[in-house]
mmCIF file of all heavy atoms, coordinates in Angstrom:
data_MODEL
# 
_entry.id   MODEL 
# 
loop_
_atom_site.group_PDB 
_atom_site.id 
_atom_site.type_symbol 
_atom_site.label_atom_id 
_atom_site.label_alt_id 
_atom_site.label_comp_id 
_atom_site.label_asym_id 
_atom_site.label_entity_id 
_atom_site.label_seq_id 
_atom_site.pdbx_PDB_ins_code 
_atom_site.Cartn_x 
_atom_site.Cartn_y 
_atom_site.Cartn_z 
_atom_site.occupancy 
_atom_site.B_iso_or_equiv 
_atom_site.pdbx_formal_charge 
_atom_site.auth_seq_id 
_atom_site.auth_comp_id 
_atom_site.auth_asym_id 
_atom_site.auth_atom_id 
_atom_site.pdbx_PDB_model_num 
ATOM 1   N N   . VAL A 1 1  ? 0.839   -1.201 0.000  1.00 0.00 ? 1  VAL A N   1 
ATOM 2   C CA  . VAL A 1 1  ? 0.000   0.000  0.000  1.00 0.00 ? 1  VAL A CA  1 
ATOM 3   C C   . VAL A 1 1  ? 0.872   1.247  0.000  1.00 0.00 ? 1  VAL A C   1 
ATOM 4   O O   . VAL A 1 1  ? 0.640   2.190  -0.764 1.00 0.00 ? 1  VAL A O   1 
ATOM 5   C CB  . VAL A 1 1  ? -0.961  -0.006 1.217  1.00 0.00 ? 1  VAL A CB  1 
ATOM 6   C CG1 . VAL A 1 1  ? -1.586  1.360  1.444  1.00 0.00 ? 1  VAL A CG1 1 
ATOM 7   C CG2 . VAL A 1 1  ? -2.045  -1.058 1.034  1.00 0.00 ? 1  VAL A CG2 1 
ATOM 8   N N   . MET A 1 2  ? 1.878   1.272  0.840  1.00 0.00 ? 2  MET A N   1 
ATOM 9   C CA  . MET A 1 2  ? 2.762   2.433  0.917  1.00 0.00 ? 2  MET A CA  1 
ATOM 10  C C   . MET A 1 2  ? 3.564   2.609  -0.379 1.00 0.00 ? 2  MET A C   1 
ATOM 11  O O   . MET A 1 2  ? 3.751   3.727  -0.852 1.00 0.00 ? 2  MET A O   1 
ATOM 12  C CB  . MET A 1 2  ? 3.703   2.326  2.115  1.00 0.00 ? 2  MET A CB  1 
ATOM 13  C CG  . MET A 1 2  ? 2.986   2.340  3.465  1.00 0.00 ? 2  MET A CG  1 
ATOM 14  S SD  . MET A 1 2  ? 1.903   3.754  3.713  1.00 0.00 ? 2  MET A SD  1 
ATOM 15  C CE  . MET A 1 2  ? 3.098   5.045  3.911  1.00 0.00 ? 2  MET A CE  1 
ATOM 16  N N   . MET A 1 3  ? 4.037   1.521  -0.974 1.00 0.00 ? 3  MET A N   1 
ATOM 17  C CA  . MET A 1 3  ? 4.829   1.602  -2.202 1.00 0.00 ? 3  MET A CA  1 
ATOM 18  C C   . MET A 1 3  ? 4.006   2.109  -3.382 1.00 0.00 ? 3  MET A C   1 
ATOM 19  O O   . MET A 1 3  ? 4.499   2.837  -4.224 1.00 0.00 ? 3  MET A O   1 
ATOM 20  C CB  . MET A 1 3  ? 5.430   0.235  -2.542 1.00 0.00 ? 3  MET A CB  1 
ATOM 21  C CG  . MET A 1 3  ? 6.637   -0.126 -1.699 1.00 0.00 ? 3  MET A CG  1 
ATOM 22  S SD  . MET A 1 3  ? 7.315   -1.750 -2.100 1.00 0.00 ? 3  MET A SD  1 
ATOM 23  C CE  . MET A 1 3  ? 7.464   -1.686 -3.869 1.00 0.00 ? 3  MET A CE  1 
ATOM 24  N N   . HIS A 1 4  ? 2.722   1.726  -3.432 1.00 0.00 ? 4  HIS A N   1 
ATOM 25  C CA  . HIS A 1 4  ? 1.885   2.081  -4.578 1.00 0.00 ? 4  HIS A CA  1 
ATOM 26  C C   . HIS A 1 4  ? 1.115   3.373  -4.356 1.00 0.00 ? 4  HIS A C   1 
ATOM 27  O O   . HIS A 1 4  ? 0.337   3.773  -5.215 1.00 0.00 ? 4  HIS A O   1 
ATOM 28  C CB  . HIS A 1 4  ? 0.931   0.951  -4.913 1.00 0.00 ? 4  HIS A CB  1 
ATOM 29  C CG  . HIS A 1 4  ? 1.621   -0.314 -5.348 1.00 0.00 ? 4  HIS A CG  1 
ATOM 30  N ND1 . HIS A 1 4  ? 2.972   -0.425 -5.578 1.00 0.00 ? 4  HIS A ND1 1 
ATOM 31  C CD2 . HIS A 1 4  ? 1.140   -1.539 -5.591 1.00 0.00 ? 4  HIS A CD2 1 
ATOM 32  C CE1 . HIS A 1 4  ? 3.278   -1.639 -5.937 1.00 0.00 ? 4  HIS A CE1 1 
ATOM 33  N NE2 . HIS A 1 4  ? 2.183   -2.348 -5.947 1.00 0.00 ? 4  HIS A NE2 1 
ATOM 34  N N   . GLY A 1 5  ? 1.313   4.012  -3.217 1.00 0.00 ? 5  GLY A N   1 
ATOM 35  C CA  . GLY A 1 5  ? 0.671   5.298  -2.965 1.00 0.00 ? 5  GLY A CA  1 
ATOM 36  C C   . GLY A 1 5  ? -0.834  5.225  -2.824 1.00 0.00 ? 5  GLY A C   1 
ATOM 37  O O   . GLY A 1 5  ? -1.539  6.153  -3.205 1.00 0.00 ? 5  GLY A O   1 
ATOM 38  N N   . ASN A 1 6  ? -1.360  4.141  -2.300 1.00 0.00 ? 6  ASN A N   1 
ATOM 39  C CA  . ASN A 1 6  ? -2.800  3.978  -2.135 1.00 0.00 ? 6  ASN A CA  1 
ATOM 40  C C   . ASN A 1 6  ? -3.303  4.580  -0.830 1.00 0.00 ? 6  ASN A C   1 
ATOM 41  O O   . ASN A 1 6  ? -4.275  4.111  -0.263 1.00 0.00 ? 6  ASN A O   1 
ATOM 42  C CB  . ASN A 1 6  ? -3.179  2.494  -2.193 1.00 0.00 ? 6  ASN A CB  1 
ATOM 43  C CG  . ASN A 1 6  ? -2.883  1.888  -3.541 1.00 0.00 ? 6  ASN A CG  1 
ATOM 44  O OD1 . ASN A 1 6  ? -2.730  2.602  -4.525 1.00 0.00 ? 6  ASN A OD1 1 
ATOM 45  N ND2 . ASN A 1 6  ? -2.797  0.585  -3.593 1.00 0.00 ? 6  ASN A ND2 1 
ATOM 46  N N   . VAL A 1 7  ? -2.644  5.624  -0.364 1.00 0.00 ? 7  VAL A N   1 
ATOM 47  C CA  . VAL A 1 7  ? -3.000  6.254  0.900  1.00 0.00 ? 7  VAL A CA  1 
ATOM 48  C C   . VAL A 1 7  ? -3.093  7.758  0.688  1.00 0.00 ? 7  VAL A C   1 
ATOM 49  O O   . VAL A 1 7  ? -2.265  8.346  0.005  1.00 0.00 ? 7  VAL A O   1 
ATOM 50  C CB  . VAL A 1 7  ? -1.923  5.968  1.981  1.00 0.00 ? 7  VAL A CB  1 
ATOM 51  C CG1 . VAL A 1 7  ? -2.257  6.663  3.278  1.00 0.00 ? 7  VAL A CG1 1 
ATOM 52  C CG2 . VAL A 1 7  ? -1.755  4.478  2.195  1.00 0.00 ? 7  VAL A CG2 1 
ATOM 53  N N   . SER A 1 8  ? -4.127  8.381  1.248  1.00 0.00 ? 8  SER A N   1 
ATOM 54  C CA  . SER A 1 8  ? -4.190  9.841  1.265  1.00 0.00 ? 8  SER A CA  1 
ATOM 55  C C   . SER A 1 8  ? -4.580  10.271 2.674  1.00 0.00 ? 8  SER A C   1 
ATOM 56  O O   . SER A 1 8  ? -5.313  9.580  3.368  1.00 0.00 ? 8  SER A O   1 
ATOM 57  C CB  . SER A 1 8  ? -5.186  10.368 0.230  1.00 0.00 ? 8  SER A CB  1 
ATOM 58  O OG  . SER A 1 8  ? -6.478  9.894  0.505  1.00 0.00 ? 8  SER A OG  1 
ATOM 59  N N   . VAL A 1 9  ? -4.058  11.417 3.079  1.00 0.00 ? 9  VAL A N   1 
ATOM 60  C CA  . VAL A 1 9  ? -4.215  11.864 4.459  1.00 0.00 ? 9  VAL A CA  1 
ATOM 61  C C   . VAL A 1 9  ? -4.759  13.281 4.474  1.00 0.00 ? 9  VAL A C   1 
ATOM 62  O O   . VAL A 1 9  ? -4.312  14.138 3.711  1.00 0.00 ? 9  VAL A O   1 
ATOM 63  C CB  . VAL A 1 9  ? -2.850  11.821 5.195  1.00 0.00 ? 9  VAL A CB  1 
ATOM 64  C CG1 . VAL A 1 9  ? -3.006  12.286 6.628  1.00 0.00 ? 9  VAL A CG1 1 
ATOM 65  C CG2 . VAL A 1 9  ? -2.238  10.435 5.130  1.00 0.00 ? 9  VAL A CG2 1 
ATOM 66  N N   . THR A 1 10 ? -5.753  13.525 5.343  1.00 0.00 ? 10 THR A N   1 
ATOM 67  C CA  . THR A 1 10 ? -6.223  14.880 5.616  1.00 0.00 ? 10 THR A CA  1 
ATOM 68  C C   . THR A 1 10 ? -5.883  15.176 7.073  1.00 0.00 ? 10 THR A C   1 
ATOM 69  O O   . THR A 1 10 ? -5.197  14.385 7.720  1.00 0.00 ? 10 THR A O   1 
ATOM 70  C CB  . THR A 1 10 ? -7.744  15.008 5.388  1.00 0.00 ? 10 THR A CB  1 
ATOM 71  O OG1 . THR A 1 10 ? -8.422  14.246 6.376  1.00 0.00 ? 10 THR A OG1 1 
ATOM 72  C CG2 . THR A 1 10 ? -8.140  14.549 3.990  1.00 0.00 ? 10 THR A CG2 1 
ATOM 73  N N   . ASN A 1 11 ? -6.386  16.273 7.601  1.00 0.00 ? 11 ASN A N   1 
ATOM 74  C CA  . ASN A 1 11 ? -6.088  16.616 8.998  1.00 0.00 ? 11 ASN A CA  1 
ATOM 75  C C   . ASN A 1 11 ? -6.611  15.584 9.990  1.00 0.00 ? 11 ASN A C   1 
ATOM 76  O O   . ASN A 1 11 ? -6.019  15.380 11.039 1.00 0.00 ? 11 ASN A O   1 
ATOM 77  C CB  . ASN A 1 11 ? -6.663  17.984 9.347  1.00 0.00 ? 11 ASN A CB  1 
ATOM 78  C CG  . ASN A 1 11 ? -5.874  19.106 8.726  1.00 0.00 ? 11 ASN A CG  1 
ATOM 79  O OD1 . ASN A 1 11 ? -4.737  18.910 8.299  1.00 0.00 ? 11 ASN A OD1 1 
ATOM 80  N ND2 . ASN A 1 11 ? -6.474  20.282 8.640  1.00 0.00 ? 11 ASN A ND2 1 
ATOM 81  N N   . THR A 1 12 ? -7.729  14.948 9.678  1.00 0.00 ? 12 THR A N   1 
ATOM 82  C CA  . THR A 1 12 ? -8.338  14.031 10.644 1.00 0.00 ? 12 THR A CA  1 
ATOM 83  C C   . THR A 1 12 ? -8.570  12.623 10.123 1.00 0.00 ? 12 THR A C   1 
ATOM 84  O O   . THR A 1 12 ? -9.003  11.755 10.860 1.00 0.00 ? 12 THR A O   1 
ATOM 85  C CB  . THR A 1 12 ? -9.703  14.574 11.115 1.00 0.00 ? 12 THR A CB  1 
ATOM 86  O OG1 . THR A 1 12 ? -10.542 14.714 9.971  1.00 0.00 ? 12 THR A OG1 1 
ATOM 87  C CG2 . THR A 1 12 ? -9.549  15.882 11.849 1.00 0.00 ? 12 THR A CG2 1 
ATOM 88  N N   . THR A 1 13 ? -8.301  12.376 8.837  1.00 0.00 ? 13 THR A N   1 
ATOM 89  C CA  . THR A 1 13 ? -8.664  11.092 8.249  1.00 0.00 ? 13 THR A CA  1 
ATOM 90  C C   . THR A 1 13 ? -7.534  10.538 7.395  1.00 0.00 ? 13 THR A C   1 
ATOM 91  O O   . THR A 1 13 ? -6.870  11.272 6.690  1.00 0.00 ? 13 THR A O   1 
ATOM 92  C CB  . THR A 1 13 ? -9.922  11.249 7.361  1.00 0.00 ? 13 THR A CB  1 
ATOM 93  O OG1 . THR A 1 13 ? -10.945 11.892 8.108  1.00 0.00 ? 13 THR A OG1 1 
ATOM 94  C CG2 . THR A 1 13 ? -10.420 9.913  6.863  1.00 0.00 ? 13 THR A CG2 1 
ATOM 95  N N   . VAL A 1 14 ? -7.359  9.227  7.473  1.00 0.00 ? 14 VAL A N   1 
ATOM 96  C CA  . VAL A 1 14 ? -6.444  8.523  6.582  1.00 0.00 ? 14 VAL A CA  1 
ATOM 97  C C   . VAL A 1 14 ? -7.309  7.616  5.711  1.00 0.00 ? 14 VAL A C   1 
ATOM 98  O O   . VAL A 1 14 ? -8.069  6.795  6.220  1.00 0.00 ? 14 VAL A O   1 
ATOM 99  C CB  . VAL A 1 14 ? -5.418  7.671  7.371  1.00 0.00 ? 14 VAL A CB  1 
ATOM 100 C CG1 . VAL A 1 14 ? -4.557  6.868  6.413  1.00 0.00 ? 14 VAL A CG1 1 
ATOM 101 C CG2 . VAL A 1 14 ? -4.572  8.540  8.273  1.00 0.00 ? 14 VAL A CG2 1 
ATOM 102 N N   . PHE A 1 15 ? -7.240  7.796  4.383  1.00 0.00 ? 15 PHE A N   1 
ATOM 103 C CA  . PHE A 1 15 ? -7.969  6.957  3.444  1.00 0.00 ? 15 PHE A CA  1 
ATOM 104 C C   . PHE A 1 15 ? -7.004  5.932  2.872  1.00 0.00 ? 15 PHE A C   1 
ATOM 105 O O   . PHE A 1 15 ? -5.920  6.277  2.424  1.00 0.00 ? 15 PHE A O   1 
ATOM 106 C CB  . PHE A 1 15 ? -8.552  7.794  2.298  1.00 0.00 ? 15 PHE A CB  1 
ATOM 107 C CG  . PHE A 1 15 ? -9.644  8.720  2.737  1.00 0.00 ? 15 PHE A CG  1 
ATOM 108 C CD1 . PHE A 1 15 ? -9.358  10.026 3.084  1.00 0.00 ? 15 PHE A CD1 1 
ATOM 109 C CD2 . PHE A 1 15 ? -10.955 8.269  2.805  1.00 0.00 ? 15 PHE A CD2 1 
ATOM 110 C CE1 . PHE A 1 15 ? -10.362 10.879 3.486  1.00 0.00 ? 15 PHE A CE1 1 
ATOM 111 C CE2 . PHE A 1 15 ? -11.965 9.120  3.209  1.00 0.00 ? 15 PHE A CE2 1 
ATOM 112 C CZ  . PHE A 1 15 ? -11.678 10.436 3.555  1.00 0.00 ? 15 PHE A CZ  1 
ATOM 113 N N   . VAL A 1 16 ? -7.426  4.660  2.891  1.00 0.00 ? 16 VAL A N   1 
ATOM 114 C CA  . VAL A 1 16 ? -6.584  3.583  2.373  1.00 0.00 ? 16 VAL A CA  1 
ATOM 115 C C   . VAL A 1 16 ? -7.385  2.808  1.339  1.00 0.00 ? 16 VAL A C   1 
ATOM 116 O O   . VAL A 1 16 ? -8.475  2.320  1.638  1.00 0.00 ? 16 VAL A O   1 
ATOM 117 C CB  . VAL A 1 16 ? -6.138  2.628  3.500  1.00 0.00 ? 16 VAL A CB  1 
ATOM 118 C CG1 . VAL A 1 16 ? -5.305  1.484  2.939  1.00 0.00 ? 16 VAL A CG1 1 
ATOM 119 C CG2 . VAL A 1 16 ? -5.394  3.371  4.582  1.00 0.00 ? 16 VAL A CG2 1 
ATOM 120 N N   . GLN A 1 17 ? -6.849  2.715  0.135  1.00 0.00 ? 17 GLN A N   1 
ATOM 121 C CA  . GLN A 1 17 ? -7.483  1.896  -0.893 1.00 0.00 ? 17 GLN A CA  1 
ATOM 122 C C   . GLN A 1 17 ? -7.015  0.468  -0.681 1.00 0.00 ? 17 GLN A C   1 
ATOM 123 O O   . GLN A 1 17 ? -5.828  0.175  -0.732 1.00 0.00 ? 17 GLN A O   1 
ATOM 124 C CB  . GLN A 1 17 ? -7.092  2.377  -2.289 1.00 0.00 ? 17 GLN A CB  1 
ATOM 125 C CG  . GLN A 1 17 ? -7.715  1.583  -3.417 1.00 0.00 ? 17 GLN A CG  1 
ATOM 126 C CD  . GLN A 1 17 ? -9.218  1.782  -3.501 1.00 0.00 ? 17 GLN A CD  1 
ATOM 127 O OE1 . GLN A 1 17 ? -9.709  2.863  -3.296 1.00 0.00 ? 17 GLN A OE1 1 
ATOM 128 N NE2 . GLN A 1 17 ? -9.926  0.717  -3.789 1.00 0.00 ? 17 GLN A NE2 1 
ATOM 129 N N   . SER A 1 18 ? -7.941  -0.425 -0.415 1.00 0.00 ? 18 SER A N   1 
ATOM 130 C CA  . SER A 1 18 ? -7.600  -1.816 -0.146 1.00 0.00 ? 18 SER A CA  1 
ATOM 131 C C   . SER A 1 18 ? -6.999  -2.463 -1.381 1.00 0.00 ? 18 SER A C   1 
ATOM 132 O O   . SER A 1 18 ? -7.467  -2.247 -2.498 1.00 0.00 ? 18 SER A O   1 
ATOM 133 C CB  . SER A 1 18 ? -8.843  -2.589 0.288  1.00 0.00 ? 18 SER A CB  1 
ATOM 134 O OG  . SER A 1 18 ? -8.562  -3.961 0.322  1.00 0.00 ? 18 SER A OG  1 
ATOM 135 N N   . THR A 1 19 ? -5.993  -3.294 -1.183 1.00 0.00 ? 19 THR A N   1 
ATOM 136 C CA  . THR A 1 19 ? -5.407  -4.034 -2.297 1.00 0.00 ? 19 THR A CA  1 
ATOM 137 C C   . THR A 1 19 ? -6.058  -5.402 -2.444 1.00 0.00 ? 19 THR A C   1 
ATOM 138 O O   . THR A 1 19 ? -5.824  -6.096 -3.417 1.00 0.00 ? 19 THR A O   1 
ATOM 139 C CB  . THR A 1 19 ? -3.892  -4.231 -2.077 1.00 0.00 ? 19 THR A CB  1 
ATOM 140 O OG1 . THR A 1 19 ? -3.699  -4.932 -0.848 1.00 0.00 ? 19 THR A OG1 1 
ATOM 141 C CG2 . THR A 1 19 ? -3.176  -2.909 -2.051 1.00 0.00 ? 19 THR A CG2 1 
ATOM 142 N N   . LEU A 1 20 ? -6.888  -5.791 -1.473 1.00 0.00 ? 20 LEU A N   1 
ATOM 143 C CA  . LEU A 1 20 ? -7.458  -7.132 -1.499 1.00 0.00 ? 20 LEU A CA  1 
ATOM 144 C C   . LEU A 1 20 ? -8.953  -7.165 -1.778 1.00 0.00 ? 20 LEU A C   1 
ATOM 145 O O   . LEU A 1 20 ? -9.436  -7.985 -2.523 1.00 0.00 ? 20 LEU A O   1 
ATOM 146 C CB  . LEU A 1 20 ? -7.194  -7.834 -0.158 1.00 0.00 ? 20 LEU A CB  1 
ATOM 147 C CG  . LEU A 1 20 ? -5.725  -8.044 0.166  1.00 0.00 ? 20 LEU A CG  1 
ATOM 148 C CD1 . LEU A 1 20 ? -5.571  -8.562 1.566  1.00 0.00 ? 20 LEU A CD1 1 
ATOM 149 C CD2 . LEU A 1 20 ? -5.113  -9.010 -0.829 1.00 0.00 ? 20 LEU A CD2 1 
ATOM 150 N N   . SER A 1 21 ? -9.704  -6.264 -1.157 1.00 0.00 ? 21 SER A N   1 
ATOM 151 C CA  . SER A 1 21 ? -11.159 -6.334 -1.286 1.00 0.00 ? 21 SER A CA  1 
ATOM 152 C C   . SER A 1 21 ? -11.721 -5.282 -2.227 1.00 0.00 ? 21 SER A C   1 
ATOM 153 O O   . SER A 1 21 ? -12.923 -5.172 -2.381 1.00 0.00 ? 21 SER A O   1 
ATOM 154 C CB  . SER A 1 21 ? -11.819 -6.215 0.084  1.00 0.00 ? 21 SER A CB  1 
ATOM 155 O OG  . SER A 1 21 ? -11.472 -4.987 0.684  1.00 0.00 ? 21 SER A OG  1 
ATOM 156 N N   . ASN A 1 22 ? -10.861 -4.471 -2.837 1.00 0.00 ? 22 ASN A N   1 
ATOM 157 C CA  . ASN A 1 22 ? -11.279 -3.425 -3.774 1.00 0.00 ? 22 ASN A CA  1 
ATOM 158 C C   . ASN A 1 22 ? -12.281 -2.451 -3.161 1.00 0.00 ? 22 ASN A C   1 
ATOM 159 O O   . ASN A 1 22 ? -13.209 -2.014 -3.801 1.00 0.00 ? 22 ASN A O   1 
ATOM 160 C CB  . ASN A 1 22 ? -11.855 -4.028 -5.059 1.00 0.00 ? 22 ASN A CB  1 
ATOM 161 C CG  . ASN A 1 22 ? -10.813 -4.792 -5.823 1.00 0.00 ? 22 ASN A CG  1 
ATOM 162 O OD1 . ASN A 1 22 ? -9.656  -4.400 -5.845 1.00 0.00 ? 22 ASN A OD1 1 
ATOM 163 N ND2 . ASN A 1 22 ? -11.208 -5.892 -6.429 1.00 0.00 ? 22 ASN A ND2 1 
ATOM 164 N N   . SER A 1 23 ? -12.098 -2.154 -1.900 1.00 0.00 ? 23 SER A N   1 
ATOM 165 C CA  . SER A 1 23 ? -12.959 -1.180 -1.241 1.00 0.00 ? 23 SER A CA  1 
ATOM 166 C C   . SER A 1 23 ? -12.080 -0.114 -0.610 1.00 0.00 ? 23 SER A C   1 
ATOM 167 O O   . SER A 1 23 ? -10.880 -0.281 -0.469 1.00 0.00 ? 23 SER A O   1 
ATOM 168 C CB  . SER A 1 23 ? -13.812 -1.856 -0.173 1.00 0.00 ? 23 SER A CB  1 
ATOM 169 O OG  . SER A 1 23 ? -12.985 -2.399 0.825  1.00 0.00 ? 23 SER A OG  1 
ATOM 170 N N   . GLN A 1 24 ? -12.710 0.978  -0.270 1.00 0.00 ? 24 GLN A N   1 
ATOM 171 C CA  . GLN A 1 24 ? -11.960 2.041  0.390  1.00 0.00 ? 24 GLN A CA  1 
ATOM 172 C C   . GLN A 1 24 ? -12.448 2.159  1.820  1.00 0.00 ? 24 GLN A C   1 
ATOM 173 O O   . GLN A 1 24 ? -13.645 2.145  2.081  1.00 0.00 ? 24 GLN A O   1 
ATOM 174 C CB  . GLN A 1 24 ? -12.158 3.367  -0.341 1.00 0.00 ? 24 GLN A CB  1 
ATOM 175 C CG  . GLN A 1 24 ? -11.229 4.449  0.195  1.00 0.00 ? 24 GLN A CG  1 
ATOM 176 C CD  . GLN A 1 24 ? -11.333 5.716  -0.614 1.00 0.00 ? 24 GLN A CD  1 
ATOM 177 O OE1 . GLN A 1 24 ? -12.381 6.328  -0.668 1.00 0.00 ? 24 GLN A OE1 1 
ATOM 178 N NE2 . GLN A 1 24 ? -10.239 6.094  -1.239 1.00 0.00 ? 24 GLN A NE2 1 
ATOM 179 N N   . CYS A 1 25 ? -11.524 2.232  2.735  1.00 0.00 ? 25 CYS A N   1 
ATOM 180 C CA  . CYS A 1 25 ? -11.906 2.421  4.124  1.00 0.00 ? 25 CYS A CA  1 
ATOM 181 C C   . CYS A 1 25 ? -11.196 3.658  4.642  1.00 0.00 ? 25 CYS A C   1 
ATOM 182 O O   . CYS A 1 25 ? -10.257 4.152  4.038  1.00 0.00 ? 25 CYS A O   1 
ATOM 183 C CB  . CYS A 1 25 ? -11.558 1.206  4.967  1.00 0.00 ? 25 CYS A CB  1 
ATOM 184 S SG  . CYS A 1 25 ? -9.796  0.838  5.036  1.00 0.00 ? 25 CYS A SG  1 
# 
């Protein structure tokens, strides 16, 4: 996840694009 940049961060939230279930949490 870290290598492919599937993470975005705001002041209060971290969004992670799942590599396994194709969902965003």
